[in-house]
C-alpha atoms as a PDB file:
ATOM      1  CA  MET A   1      10.290  20.748 -23.183  1.00  0.00           C
ATOM      2  CA  ILE A   2      11.567  17.319 -22.123  1.00  0.00           C
ATOM      3  CA  ASN A   3      11.119  14.366 -24.433  1.00  0.00           C
ATOM      4  CA  PHE A   4      10.340  11.061 -22.783  1.00  0.00           C
ATOM      5  CA  PRO A   5      13.028   8.476 -23.435  1.00  0.00           C
ATOM      6  CA  ASP A   6      12.221   4.883 -24.263  1.00  0.00           C
ATOM      7  CA  TRP A   7      13.249   3.392 -20.928  1.00  0.00           C
ATOM      8  CA  PRO A   8      14.832  -0.028 -21.529  1.00  0.00           C
ATOM      9  CA  ASN A   9      13.554  -3.406 -20.448  1.00  0.00           C
ATOM     10  CA  THR A  10      15.606  -5.637 -18.191  1.00  0.00           C
ATOM     11  CA  TYR A  11      14.996  -9.038 -19.750  1.00  0.00           C
ATOM     12  CA  GLY A  12      15.497  -8.493 -23.464  1.00  0.00           C
ATOM     13  CA  GLY A  13      12.272  -6.808 -24.467  1.00  0.00           C
ATOM     14  CA  PRO A  14       8.647  -7.991 -24.307  1.00  0.00           C
ATOM     15  CA  PRO A  15       8.055 -11.325 -26.102  1.00  0.00           C
ATOM     16  CA  GLY A  16       4.389 -10.565 -26.760  1.00  0.00           C
ATOM     17  CA  ALA A  17       1.682  -7.934 -27.144  1.00  0.00           C
ATOM     18  CA  GLY A  18      -1.768  -7.622 -25.671  1.00  0.00           C
ATOM     19  CA  LEU A  19      -4.626  -5.503 -24.444  1.00  0.00           C
ATOM     20  CA  ILE A  20      -5.185  -4.643 -20.787  1.00  0.00           C
ATOM     21  CA  ARG A  21      -8.297  -3.135 -19.190  1.00  0.00           C
ATOM     22  CA  GLN A  22     -10.668  -4.252 -21.926  1.00  0.00           C
ATOM     23  CA  SER A  23     -13.118  -4.093 -19.045  1.00  0.00           C
ATOM     24  CA  PRO A  24     -12.562  -3.031 -15.424  1.00  0.00           C
ATOM     25  CA  GLU A  25     -12.826  -6.701 -14.367  1.00  0.00           C
ATOM     26  CA  ASP A  26      -9.612  -7.402 -16.316  1.00  0.00           C
ATOM     27  CA  PHE A  27      -7.611  -5.327 -13.821  1.00  0.00           C
ATOM     28  CA  LYS A  28      -8.358  -6.253 -10.204  1.00  0.00           C
ATOM     29  CA  VAL A  29      -6.487  -4.772  -7.246  1.00  0.00           C
ATOM     30  CA  GLU A  30      -6.847  -5.457  -3.533  1.00  0.00           C
ATOM     31  CA  GLU A  31      -4.830  -3.505  -1.008  1.00  0.00           C
ATOM     32  CA  VAL A  32      -3.178  -5.044   2.046  1.00  0.00           C
ATOM     33  CA  LEU A  33      -2.801  -2.987   5.218  1.00  0.00           C
ATOM     34  CA  PRO A  34       0.089  -3.487   7.657  1.00  0.00           C
ATOM     35  CA  PHE A  35      -2.368  -3.950  10.538  1.00  0.00           C
ATOM     36  CA  THR A  36      -5.794  -5.379  11.341  1.00  0.00           C
ATOM     37  CA  PRO A  37      -8.411  -2.847  12.516  1.00  0.00           C
ATOM     38  CA  SER A  38      -8.960  -3.304  16.251  1.00  0.00           C
ATOM     39  CA  GLY A  39     -12.757  -3.330  16.111  1.00  0.00           C
ATOM     40  CA  GLU A  40     -12.966  -0.398  18.546  1.00  0.00           C
ATOM     41  CA  GLY A  41     -12.474   3.357  18.305  1.00  0.00           C
ATOM     42  CA  GLU A  42     -13.849   6.601  16.880  1.00  0.00           C
ATOM     43  CA  HIS A  43     -13.007   5.758  13.281  1.00  0.00           C
ATOM     44  CA  LEU A  44     -15.248   3.594  11.126  1.00  0.00           C
ATOM     45  CA  PHE A  45     -13.229   1.388   8.811  1.00  0.00           C
ATOM     46  CA  LEU A  46     -14.981   0.346   5.604  1.00  0.00           C
ATOM     47  CA  PHE A  47     -13.683  -2.142   3.058  1.00  0.00           C
ATOM     48  CA  ILE A  48     -15.003  -0.905  -0.282  1.00  0.00           C
ATOM     49  CA  GLU A  49     -15.073  -2.418  -3.755  1.00  0.00           C
ATOM     50  CA  LYS A  50     -15.319   0.080  -6.575  1.00  0.00           C
ATOM     51  CA  ARG A  51     -15.628  -0.389 -10.334  1.00  0.00           C
ATOM     52  CA  GLY A  52     -14.694   2.362 -12.771  1.00  0.00           C
ATOM     53  CA  GLU A  53     -14.509   5.050 -10.074  1.00  0.00           C
ATOM     54  CA  ASN A  54     -11.553   6.884  -8.579  1.00  0.00           C
ATOM     55  CA  THR A  55     -10.629   6.879  -4.907  1.00  0.00           C
ATOM     56  CA  ASP A  56     -11.267  10.593  -4.294  1.00  0.00           C
ATOM     57  CA  TYR A  57     -14.795  10.253  -5.645  1.00  0.00           C
ATOM     58  CA  VAL A  58     -15.560   7.390  -3.259  1.00  0.00           C
ATOM     59  CA  ALA A  59     -14.134   9.375  -0.337  1.00  0.00           C
ATOM     60  CA  ARG A  60     -16.381  12.338  -1.179  1.00  0.00           C
ATOM     61  CA  GLN A  61     -19.450  10.109  -1.374  1.00  0.00           C
ATOM     62  CA  LEU A  62     -18.628   8.538   1.989  1.00  0.00           C
ATOM     63  CA  ALA A  63     -18.237  11.965   3.586  1.00  0.00           C
ATOM     64  CA  LYS A  64     -21.552  13.141   2.143  1.00  0.00           C
ATOM     65  CA  PHE A  65     -23.462  10.039   3.230  1.00  0.00           C
ATOM     66  CA  SER A  66     -21.944  10.084   6.736  1.00  0.00           C
ATOM     67  CA  GLY A  67     -22.437  13.830   7.244  1.00  0.00           C
ATOM     68  CA  VAL A  68     -18.758  14.554   7.913  1.00  0.00           C
ATOM     69  CA  LEU A  69     -16.148  16.816   6.385  1.00  0.00           C
ATOM     70  CA  ALA A  70     -14.056  15.480   3.517  1.00  0.00           C
ATOM     71  CA  ARG A  71     -10.939  15.770   5.699  1.00  0.00           C
ATOM     72  CA  ASP A  72     -12.448  13.265   8.146  1.00  0.00           C
ATOM     73  CA  VAL A  73     -12.315  10.489   5.539  1.00  0.00           C
ATOM     74  CA  GLY A  74      -9.002   8.707   5.166  1.00  0.00           C
ATOM     75  CA  TYR A  75      -7.496   6.148   2.822  1.00  0.00           C
ATOM     76  CA  ALA A  76      -4.051   4.644   2.338  1.00  0.00           C
ATOM     77  CA  GLY A  77      -3.577   5.219  -1.373  1.00  0.00           C
ATOM     78  CA  LEU A  78      -5.120   6.054  -4.719  1.00  0.00           C
ATOM     79  CA  LYS A  79      -6.349   3.134  -6.802  1.00  0.00           C
ATOM     80  CA  ASP A  80      -6.804   2.828 -10.553  1.00  0.00           C
ATOM     81  CA  ARG A  81     -10.085   4.090 -11.928  1.00  0.00           C
ATOM     82  CA  GLN A  82     -10.304   1.696 -14.877  1.00  0.00           C
ATOM     83  CA  ALA A  83     -10.260  -1.358 -12.632  1.00  0.00           C
ATOM     84  CA  VAL A  84     -12.128  -3.263  -9.978  1.00  0.00           C
ATOM     85  CA  THR A  85     -10.372  -2.369  -6.751  1.00  0.00           C
ATOM     86  CA  ARG A  86     -10.815  -3.129  -3.088  1.00  0.00           C
ATOM     87  CA  GLN A  87      -9.481  -0.783  -0.436  1.00  0.00           C
ATOM     88  CA  TRP A  88     -10.072   0.476   3.092  1.00  0.00           C
ATOM     89  CA  PHE A  89     -11.485   3.884   4.013  1.00  0.00           C
ATOM     90  CA  SER A  90     -11.784   5.414   7.486  1.00  0.00           C
ATOM     91  CA  ILE A  91     -14.399   7.903   8.694  1.00  0.00           C
ATOM     92  CA  TRP A  92     -13.904   9.865  11.923  1.00  0.00           C
ATOM     93  CA  MET A  93     -17.243   9.825  13.765  1.00  0.00           C
ATOM     94  CA  PRO A  94     -16.674  10.550  17.473  1.00  0.00           C
ATOM     95  CA  GLY A  95     -19.989  10.270  19.337  1.00  0.00           C
ATOM     96  CA  LYS A  96     -21.987  10.198  16.110  1.00  0.00           C
ATOM     97  CA  PRO A  97     -24.601   7.564  15.270  1.00  0.00           C
ATOM     98  CA  MET A  98     -23.760   4.822  12.828  1.00  0.00           C
ATOM     99  CA  PRO A  99     -24.985   5.677   9.323  1.00  0.00           C
ATOM    100  CA  ASP A 100     -27.645   3.385   7.939  1.00  0.00           C
ATOM    101  CA  TRP A 101     -25.480   1.505   5.462  1.00  0.00           C
ATOM    102  CA  GLU A 102     -28.475  -0.470   4.193  1.00  0.00           C
ATOM    103  CA  HIS A 103     -29.404   2.736   2.374  1.00  0.00           C
ATOM    104  CA  TRP A 104     -25.935   3.123   0.885  1.00  0.00           C
ATOM    105  CA  ASN A 105     -26.903   2.761  -2.744  1.00  0.00           C
ATOM    106  CA  GLN A 106     -24.033   3.682  -5.011  1.00  0.00           C
ATOM    107  CA  GLU A 107     -23.706   2.337  -8.502  1.00  0.00           C
ATOM    108  CA  ASN A 108     -20.304   0.695  -8.994  1.00  0.00           C
ATOM    109  CA  ILE A 109     -19.450   0.990  -5.272  1.00  0.00           C
ATOM    110  CA  SER A 110     -20.074  -1.819  -2.758  1.00  0.00           C
ATOM    111  CA  LEU A 111     -19.501  -2.092   0.972  1.00  0.00           C
ATOM    112  CA  ILE A 112     -17.811  -5.401   1.773  1.00  0.00           C
ATOM    113  CA  ASP A 113     -16.951  -5.045   5.461  1.00  0.00           C
ATOM    114  CA  ILE A 114     -17.219  -2.522   8.276  1.00  0.00           C
ATOM    115  CA  THR A 115     -15.389  -2.314  11.580  1.00  0.00           C
ATOM    116  CA  ARG A 116     -13.745   0.283  13.813  1.00  0.00           C
ATOM    117  CA  HIS A 117     -10.260   1.450  14.721  1.00  0.00           C
ATOM    118  CA  HIS A 118      -8.715   4.026  17.030  1.00  0.00           C
ATOM    119  CA  LYS A 119      -6.707   5.871  14.344  1.00  0.00           C
ATOM    120  CA  LYS A 120      -7.426   7.489  11.014  1.00  0.00           C
ATOM    121  CA  LEU A 121      -6.180   5.635   7.945  1.00  0.00           C
ATOM    122  CA  LYS A 122      -3.425   7.846   6.550  1.00  0.00           C
ATOM    123  CA  ARG A 123      -1.845   8.061   3.116  1.00  0.00           C
ATOM    124  CA  GLY A 124       1.028   5.677   2.630  1.00  0.00           C
ATOM    125  CA  VAL A 125       0.072   3.321   5.474  1.00  0.00           C
ATOM    126  CA  LEU A 126      -0.002   0.332   3.172  1.00  0.00           C
ATOM    127  CA  THR A 127       1.891  -2.930   2.842  1.00  0.00           C
ATOM    128  CA  GLY A 128       1.095  -3.421  -0.827  1.00  0.00           C
ATOM    129  CA  ASN A 129      -1.432  -4.641  -3.357  1.00  0.00           C
ATOM    130  CA  LYS A 130      -2.602  -7.949  -4.768  1.00  0.00           C
ATOM    131  CA  PHE A 131      -3.148  -7.888  -8.528  1.00  0.00           C
ATOM    132  CA  SER A 132      -5.212 -10.153 -10.752  1.00  0.00           C
ATOM    133  CA  LEU A 133      -4.892  -9.192 -14.415  1.00  0.00           C
ATOM    134  CA  MET A 134      -6.227 -10.497 -17.705  1.00  0.00           C
ATOM    135  CA  ILE A 135      -4.303  -9.750 -20.900  1.00  0.00           C
ATOM    136  CA  ARG A 136      -6.640 -10.001 -23.885  1.00  0.00           C
ATOM    137  CA  GLN A 137      -5.813 -10.341 -27.577  1.00  0.00           C
ATOM    138  CA  TRP A 138      -2.431 -11.700 -26.543  1.00  0.00           C
ATOM    139  CA  ASP A 139      -0.038 -12.665 -29.286  1.00  0.00           C
ATOM    140  CA  GLY A 140       3.588 -13.688 -28.927  1.00  0.00           C
ATOM    141  CA  ASP A 141       6.096 -16.367 -28.014  1.00  0.00           C
ATOM    142  CA  VAL A 142       4.662 -18.587 -25.277  1.00  0.00           C
ATOM    143  CA  LYS A 143       7.962 -20.206 -24.274  1.00  0.00           C
ATOM    144  CA  GLN A 144       9.808 -16.906 -24.120  1.00  0.00           C
ATOM    145  CA  THR A 145       6.970 -15.294 -22.163  1.00  0.00           C
ATOM    146  CA  GLU A 146       7.069 -18.083 -19.603  1.00  0.00           C
ATOM    147  CA  HIS A 147      10.853 -17.826 -19.460  1.00  0.00           C
ATOM    148  CA  VAL A 148      10.632 -14.093 -18.664  1.00  0.00           C
ATOM    149  CA  LEU A 149       7.945 -14.701 -16.049  1.00  0.00           C
ATOM    150  CA  ASN A 150      10.057 -17.389 -14.397  1.00  0.00           C
ATOM    151  CA  THR A 151      13.008 -14.993 -14.400  1.00  0.00           C
ATOM    152  CA  ILE A 152      10.875 -12.290 -12.801  1.00  0.00           C
ATOM    153  CA  ALA A 153       9.651 -14.714 -10.126  1.00  0.00           C
ATOM    154  CA  VAL A 154      13.265 -15.452  -9.211  1.00  0.00           C
ATOM    155  CA  GLY A 155      14.951 -12.079  -9.721  1.00  0.00           C
ATOM    156  CA  GLY A 156      12.296  -9.357  -9.470  1.00  0.00           C
ATOM    157  CA  ILE A 157      11.724  -6.424 -11.821  1.00  0.00           C
ATOM    158  CA  ALA A 158      13.090  -2.956 -12.399  1.00  0.00           C
ATOM    159  CA  ASN A 159      11.207  -0.680 -10.004  1.00  0.00           C
ATOM    160  CA  TYR A 160      10.114   1.882 -12.603  1.00  0.00           C
ATOM    161  CA  TYR A 161       7.443   4.420 -11.829  1.00  0.00           C
ATOM    162  CA  GLY A 162       4.455   3.739 -14.060  1.00  0.00           C
ATOM    163  CA  ALA A 163       3.372   5.990 -16.915  1.00  0.00           C
ATOM    164  CA  GLN A 164       0.336   7.144 -14.919  1.00  0.00           C
ATOM    165  CA  ARG A 165       2.759   8.972 -12.616  1.00  0.00           C
ATOM    166  CA  PHE A 166       3.553  11.377 -15.445  1.00  0.00           C
ATOM    167  CA  GLY A 167       0.053  12.120 -16.688  1.00  0.00           C
ATOM    168  CA  HIS A 168      -1.344  11.835 -20.195  1.00  0.00           C
ATOM    169  CA  GLN A 169       1.526  12.109 -22.700  1.00  0.00           C
ATOM    170  CA  GLY A 170       3.846  13.138 -19.871  1.00  0.00           C
ATOM    171  CA  LYS A 171       2.036  16.431 -19.239  1.00  0.00           C
ATOM    172  CA  ASN A 172       2.913  16.383 -15.534  1.00  0.00           C
ATOM    173  CA  ILE A 173       6.568  16.974 -16.407  1.00  0.00           C
ATOM    174  CA  GLU A 174       5.631  20.011 -18.492  1.00  0.00           C
ATOM    175  CA  LYS A 175       3.557  21.260 -15.553  1.00  0.00           C
ATOM    176  CA  ALA A 176       6.538  20.727 -13.234  1.00  0.00           C
ATOM    177  CA  LEU A 177       8.694  22.897 -15.505  1.00  0.00           C
ATOM    178  CA  SER A 178       5.974  25.579 -15.472  1.00  0.00           C
ATOM    179  CA  LEU A 179       5.921  25.382 -11.681  1.00  0.00           C
ATOM    180  CA  PHE A 180       9.684  25.864 -11.545  1.00  0.00           C
ATOM    181  CA  GLN A 181       9.297  28.892 -13.817  1.00  0.00           C
ATOM    182  CA  GLY A 182       6.887  30.563 -11.385  1.00  0.00           C
ATOM    183  CA  GLN A 183       3.417  29.443 -12.417  1.00  0.00           C
ATOM    184  CA  THR A 184       1.130  28.869  -9.438  1.00  0.00           C
ATOM    185  CA  PHE A 185      -0.903  25.724  -8.873  1.00  0.00           C
ATOM    186  CA  LYS A 186      -3.197  24.333  -6.221  1.00  0.00           C
ATOM    187  CA  ARG A 187      -1.472  22.453  -3.422  1.00  0.00           C
ATOM    188  CA  ASN A 188      -2.479  18.978  -4.601  1.00  0.00           C
ATOM    189  CA  GLN A 189      -1.439  19.771  -8.179  1.00  0.00           C
ATOM    190  CA  ARG A 190       1.896  21.129  -7.006  1.00  0.00           C
ATOM    191  CA  SER A 191       2.574  17.924  -5.068  1.00  0.00           C
ATOM    192  CA  LEU A 192       1.641  15.832  -8.107  1.00  0.00           C
ATOM    193  CA  TYR A 193       3.988  17.702 -10.429  1.00  0.00           C
ATOM    194  CA  LEU A 194       6.909  17.643  -7.993  1.00  0.00           C
ATOM    195  CA  SER A 195       6.471  13.893  -7.536  1.00  0.00           C
ATOM    196  CA  ALA A 196       6.422  13.451 -11.307  1.00  0.00           C
ATOM    197  CA  ALA A 197       9.699  15.344 -11.697  1.00  0.00           C
ATOM    198  CA  ARG A 198      11.454  13.254  -9.042  1.00  0.00           C
ATOM    199  CA  SER A 199      10.025  10.057 -10.509  1.00  0.00           C
ATOM    200  CA  PHE A 200      11.250  10.992 -13.986  1.00  0.00           C
ATOM    201  CA  ILE A 201      14.818  11.496 -12.778  1.00  0.00           C
ATOM    202  CA  PHE A 202      14.678   8.215 -10.862  1.00  0.00           C
ATOM    203  CA  ASN A 203      13.440   6.305 -13.919  1.00  0.00           C
ATOM    204  CA  CYS A 204      16.287   7.773 -15.983  1.00  0.00           C
ATOM    205  CA  ILE A 205      18.845   6.702 -13.371  1.00  0.00           C
ATOM    206  CA  LEU A 206      17.347   3.215 -13.291  1.00  0.00           C
ATOM    207  CA  ALA A 207      17.353   3.082 -17.099  1.00  0.00           C
ATOM    208  CA  ARG A 208      21.048   3.971 -17.152  1.00  0.00           C
ATOM    209  CA  ARG A 209      21.833   1.245 -14.632  1.00  0.00           C
ATOM    210  CA  ILE A 210      19.943  -1.229 -16.836  1.00  0.00           C
ATOM    211  CA  GLU A 211      21.986  -0.135 -19.848  1.00  0.00           C
ATOM    212  CA  LEU A 212      25.134  -0.704 -17.784  1.00  0.00           C
ATOM    213  CA  GLU A 213      23.757  -4.105 -16.728  1.00  0.00           C
ATOM    214  CA  ASN A 214      24.184  -3.352 -13.013  1.00  0.00           C
ATOM    215  CA  TRP A 215      20.664  -2.357 -11.947  1.00  0.00           C
ATOM    216  CA  ASN A 216      20.469  -5.525  -9.834  1.00  0.00           C
ATOM    217  CA  GLN A 217      24.113  -5.584  -8.761  1.00  0.00           C
ATOM    218  CA  VAL A 218      26.095  -3.626  -6.186  1.00  0.00           C
ATOM    219  CA  VAL A 219      28.606  -1.117  -7.539  1.00  0.00           C
ATOM    220  CA  ALA A 220      31.154   0.990  -5.686  1.00  0.00           C
ATOM    221  CA  GLY A 221      29.456   3.681  -3.613  1.00  0.00           C
ATOM    222  CA  ASP A 222      25.948   2.218  -3.841  1.00  0.00           C
ATOM    223  CA  VAL A 223      23.323   2.879  -1.213  1.00  0.00           C
ATOM    224  CA  LEU A 224      21.654  -0.453  -0.435  1.00  0.00           C
ATOM    225  CA  GLN A 225      18.163  -0.938   0.953  1.00  0.00           C
ATOM    226  CA  PHE A 226      17.037  -3.924   3.003  1.00  0.00           C
ATOM    227  CA  GLU A 227      14.311  -6.040   1.436  1.00  0.00           C
ATOM    228  CA  GLY A 228      10.940  -5.277   3.033  1.00  0.00           C
ATOM    229  CA  SER A 229      12.276  -2.186   4.802  1.00  0.00           C
ATOM    230  CA  ASN A 230      12.884   1.505   4.190  1.00  0.00           C
ATOM    231  CA  SER A 231      16.270   1.301   5.935  1.00  0.00           C
ATOM    232  CA  PHE A 232      19.395   1.673   3.840  1.00  0.00           C
ATOM    233  CA  PHE A 233      23.147   2.079   4.227  1.00  0.00           C
ATOM    234  CA  ARG A 234      26.080   3.239   2.136  1.00  0.00           C
ATOM    235  CA  THR A 235      28.640   0.821   0.796  1.00  0.00           C
ATOM    236  CA  ASP A 236      32.291   1.732   1.005  1.00  0.00           C
ATOM    237  CA  VAL A 237      33.741  -1.528  -0.231  1.00  0.00           C
ATOM    238  CA  VAL A 238      32.085  -4.025  -2.562  1.00  0.00           C
ATOM    239  CA  ASP A 239      32.907  -7.455  -1.174  1.00  0.00           C
ATOM    240  CA  SER A 240      31.696 -11.008  -1.694  1.00  0.00           C
ATOM    241  CA  VAL A 241      29.275 -10.787   1.246  1.00  0.00           C
ATOM    242  CA  LEU A 242      27.434  -7.746  -0.148  1.00  0.00           C
ATOM    243  CA  THR A 243      27.445  -9.205  -3.637  1.00  0.00           C
ATOM    244  CA  ALA A 244      25.903 -12.430  -2.369  1.00  0.00           C
ATOM    245  CA  ARG A 245      23.235 -10.633  -0.336  1.00  0.00           C
ATOM    246  CA  VAL A 246      22.214  -8.528  -3.341  1.00  0.00           C
ATOM    247  CA  SER A 247      22.059 -11.657  -5.501  1.00  0.00           C
ATOM    248  CA  ALA A 248      19.880 -13.316  -2.838  1.00  0.00           C
ATOM    249  CA  LEU A 249      17.426 -10.343  -2.934  1.00  0.00           C
ATOM    250  CA  GLU A 250      18.213  -9.473   0.697  1.00  0.00           C
ATOM    251  CA  LEU A 251      19.542  -6.065  -0.348  1.00  0.00           C
ATOM    252  CA  HIS A 252      18.705  -3.823  -3.301  1.00  0.00           C
ATOM    253  CA  PRO A 253      20.662  -0.991  -4.935  1.00  0.00           C
ATOM    254  CA  THR A 254      18.828   2.329  -4.748  1.00  0.00           C
ATOM    255  CA  GLY A 255      18.509   5.487  -6.801  1.00  0.00           C
ATOM    256  CA  CYS A 256      17.935   9.016  -5.614  1.00  0.00           C
ATOM    257  CA  LEU A 257      14.649  10.861  -5.389  1.00  0.00           C
ATOM    258  CA  TRP A 258      16.256  14.205  -5.931  1.00  0.00           C
ATOM    259  CA  GLY A 259      16.107  17.089  -3.483  1.00  0.00           C
ATOM    260  CA  LEU A 260      18.186  18.910  -0.900  1.00  0.00           C
ATOM    261  CA  GLY A 261      20.285  17.105   1.690  1.00  0.00           C
ATOM    262  CA  ASN A 262      23.393  15.053   2.085  1.00  0.00           C
ATOM    263  CA  VAL A 263      24.048  12.632  -0.738  1.00  0.00           C
ATOM    264  CA  PRO A 264      24.966   9.240   0.748  1.00  0.00           C
ATOM    265  CA  GLU A 265      26.265   7.566  -2.394  1.00  0.00           C
ATOM    266  CA  HIS A 266      29.701   8.159  -3.886  1.00  0.00           C
ATOM    267  CA  GLY A 267      32.102   6.569  -6.349  1.00  0.00           C
ATOM    268  CA  ASP A 268      30.692   4.829  -9.427  1.00  0.00           C
ATOM    269  CA  ALA A 269      27.101   5.011  -8.212  1.00  0.00           C
ATOM    270  CA  TRP A 270      27.293   8.761  -7.703  1.00  0.00           C
ATOM    271  CA  HIS A 271      28.967   9.278 -11.079  1.00  0.00           C
ATOM    272  CA  ILE A 272      26.046   7.528 -12.799  1.00  0.00           C
ATOM    273  CA  GLU A 273      23.505   9.690 -10.987  1.00  0.00           C
ATOM    274  CA  GLN A 274      25.459  12.887 -11.605  1.00  0.00           C
ATOM    275  CA  THR A 275      25.408  12.200 -15.327  1.00  0.00           C
ATOM    276  CA  ILE A 276      21.600  11.942 -15.332  1.00  0.00           C
ATOM    277  CA  LEU A 277      21.146  14.947 -13.055  1.00  0.00           C
ATOM    278  CA  ALA A 278      23.325  17.073 -15.346  1.00  0.00           C
ATOM    279  CA  GLN A 279      21.284  15.920 -18.346  1.00  0.00           C
ATOM    280  CA  TYR A 280      18.048  17.084 -16.691  1.00  0.00           C
ATOM    281  CA  SER A 281      19.384  20.129 -14.863  1.00  0.00           C
ATOM    282  CA  GLU A 282      16.076  22.019 -15.187  1.00  0.00           C
ATOM    283  CA  LEU A 283      14.315  19.373 -13.105  1.00  0.00           C
ATOM    284  CA  ARG A 284      17.275  19.009 -10.728  1.00  0.00           C
ATOM    285  CA  ASP A 285      17.520  22.736 -10.016  1.00  0.00           C
ATOM    286  CA  GLY A 286      13.764  23.172  -9.810  1.00  0.00           C
ATOM    287  CA  LEU A 287      13.410  20.437  -7.194  1.00  0.00           C
ATOM    288  CA  GLU A 288      16.204  21.974  -5.144  1.00  0.00           C
ATOM    289  CA  ALA A 289      14.509  25.385  -5.319  1.00  0.00           C
ATOM    290  CA  MET A 290      11.306  23.836  -3.951  1.00  0.00           C
ATOM    291  CA  ASP A 291      13.176  22.650  -0.825  1.00  0.00           C
ATOM    292  CA  LEU A 292      12.306  18.989  -1.291  1.00  0.00           C
ATOM    293  CA  LYS A 293      14.466  16.673   0.771  1.00  0.00           C
ATOM    294  CA  ILE A 294      16.412  13.963  -0.997  1.00  0.00           C
ATOM    295  CA  GLY A 295      15.105  10.398  -0.715  1.00  0.00           C
ATOM    296  CA  ARG A 296      15.904   6.891  -1.920  1.00  0.00           C
ATOM    297  CA  ARG A 297      14.015   4.221  -3.849  1.00  0.00           C
ATOM    298  CA  ALA A 298      15.069   0.658  -4.588  1.00  0.00           C
ATOM    299  CA  LEU A 299      16.057   0.032  -8.199  1.00  0.00           C
ATOM    300  CA  ARG A 300      14.641  -3.487  -7.957  1.00  0.00           C
ATOM    301  CA  VAL A 301      11.435  -4.856  -6.470  1.00  0.00           C
ATOM    302  CA  VAL A 302      10.582  -8.443  -5.586  1.00  0.00           C
ATOM    303  CA  VAL A 303       7.365  -9.807  -7.101  1.00  0.00           C
ATOM    304  CA  ASP A 304       5.696 -12.175  -4.648  1.00  0.00           C
ATOM    305  CA  ASN A 305       3.238 -14.974  -5.379  1.00  0.00           C
ATOM    306  CA  LEU A 306       3.575 -14.603  -9.147  1.00  0.00           C
ATOM    307  CA  THR A 307       1.405 -17.093 -11.018  1.00  0.00           C
ATOM    308  CA  TRP A 308       0.213 -17.185 -14.615  1.00  0.00           C
ATOM    309  CA  ALA A 309      -1.803 -19.253 -17.061  1.00  0.00           C
ATOM    310  CA  PHE A 310      -2.796 -19.079 -20.698  1.00  0.00           C
ATOM    311  CA  THR A 311      -6.534 -19.605 -20.413  1.00  0.00           C
ATOM    312  CA  ASP A 312      -6.758 -19.781 -24.212  1.00  0.00           C
ATOM    313  CA  ALA A 313      -4.564 -18.927 -27.185  1.00  0.00           C
ATOM    314  CA  GLN A 314      -5.216 -15.189 -26.818  1.00  0.00           C
ATOM    315  CA  THR A 315      -5.655 -14.719 -23.069  1.00  0.00           C
ATOM    316  CA  LEU A 316      -2.977 -14.595 -20.368  1.00  0.00           C
ATOM    317  CA  ARG A 317      -3.942 -14.420 -16.687  1.00  0.00           C
ATOM    318  CA  LEU A 318      -1.496 -13.032 -14.114  1.00  0.00           C
ATOM    319  CA  SER A 319      -1.649 -12.847 -10.310  1.00  0.00           C
ATOM    320  CA  PHE A 320       1.001 -11.317  -8.054  1.00  0.00           C
ATOM    321  CA  PHE A 321       1.731  -9.077  -5.080  1.00  0.00           C
ATOM    322  CA  LEU A 322       3.745  -5.858  -5.126  1.00  0.00           C
ATOM    323  CA  PRO A 323       4.768  -3.696  -2.179  1.00  0.00           C
ATOM    324  CA  ALA A 324       3.346  -0.196  -1.837  1.00  0.00           C
ATOM    325  CA  GLY A 325       4.721   2.277  -4.352  1.00  0.00           C
ATOM    326  CA  SER A 326       5.507  -0.274  -7.063  1.00  0.00           C
ATOM    327  CA  TYR A 327       3.589  -0.532 -10.322  1.00  0.00           C
ATOM    328  CA  ALA A 328       1.960  -3.478 -12.063  1.00  0.00           C
ATOM    329  CA  THR A 329       2.747  -1.786 -15.373  1.00  0.00           C
ATOM    330  CA  ALA A 330       6.464  -2.203 -14.592  1.00  0.00           C
ATOM    331  CA  LEU A 331       5.903  -5.964 -14.706  1.00  0.00           C
ATOM    332  CA  LEU A 332       3.684  -5.798 -17.790  1.00  0.00           C
ATOM    333  CA  LYS A 333       6.394  -3.786 -19.547  1.00  0.00           C
ATOM    334  CA  GLU A 334       8.662  -6.848 -19.401  1.00  0.00           C
ATOM    335  CA  ILE A 335       6.227  -9.270 -21.049  1.00  0.00           C
ATOM    336  CA  ILE A 336       3.998  -7.330 -23.461  1.00  0.00           C
ATOM    337  CA  VAL A 337       3.740  -4.318 -25.664  1.00  0.00           C
ATOM    338  CA  ILE A 338       0.475  -2.846 -24.428  1.00  0.00           C
ATOM    339  CA  ARG A 339      -1.978  -2.324 -27.271  1.00  0.00           C
ATOM    340  CA  ASN A 340      -4.151   0.787 -27.283  1.00  0.00           C
END
């Protein structure tokens, strides 16, 4: 059994406490695609708002109403259930009549827009998400909270995977260990547990870099990722140019998503990762045995368009944009202790 560590904050600990998701309307998310649907093609594109429902459920309802197989419905990513979220779905309907959407009567699900495109919407094809959050029953230090938010707006946040990645009370990690020990699971469950194991190791690496106060700095042997890109390169020499570009948020240090393959980092960066990998050897060895290929993830993420306001003494409103794969809870972690 693996105990979850208390992963450290980057800016001195949260200066307040509050309640999120008191109602779904307190947690609003709108996804942003990297393209605009063309208006033509065999795939219907529907912009859907859902309240208190999960993405898979909406996809199943769309397939049923349209008379297609579940595999013919696509979406870019899963959205929170306890929220009001807006996202695109695609339905492959070659030569089929348009469903009568006036009779689409689903409680908590609304059709906002409909168009067409020539390709299915696939998982991961996503620029990011706009968030609008309300923190209720807030209590804390206003000046310090605003100081942390200003710091985040300038310097970004630690790119932790959110707690939802690990399941209730971290059960997905226990399931991953069971998988590595030979227990069989359905394909989608297997993928979920493997992702959780890789995410856990990454979070531990990031936490160690925070403890060493170099999570947002280049160290010898780092693998750096370009801002707004999945491209990265290995550093051999830390010089003033690289240091300046990392400080300017043009480049970000990365951590490994463990698996098989050549390890690009070396030196101090590799030593830090090796220490964590040795500490969680069961997860390390299990991921290798599953033939997952090694990947990279930025240790830092830029928070765009961050705005905030105290609407009253106990309510804090936040709005911001995060790129795909980053978690709003990683930002909330820096400013509040989340009340249950």
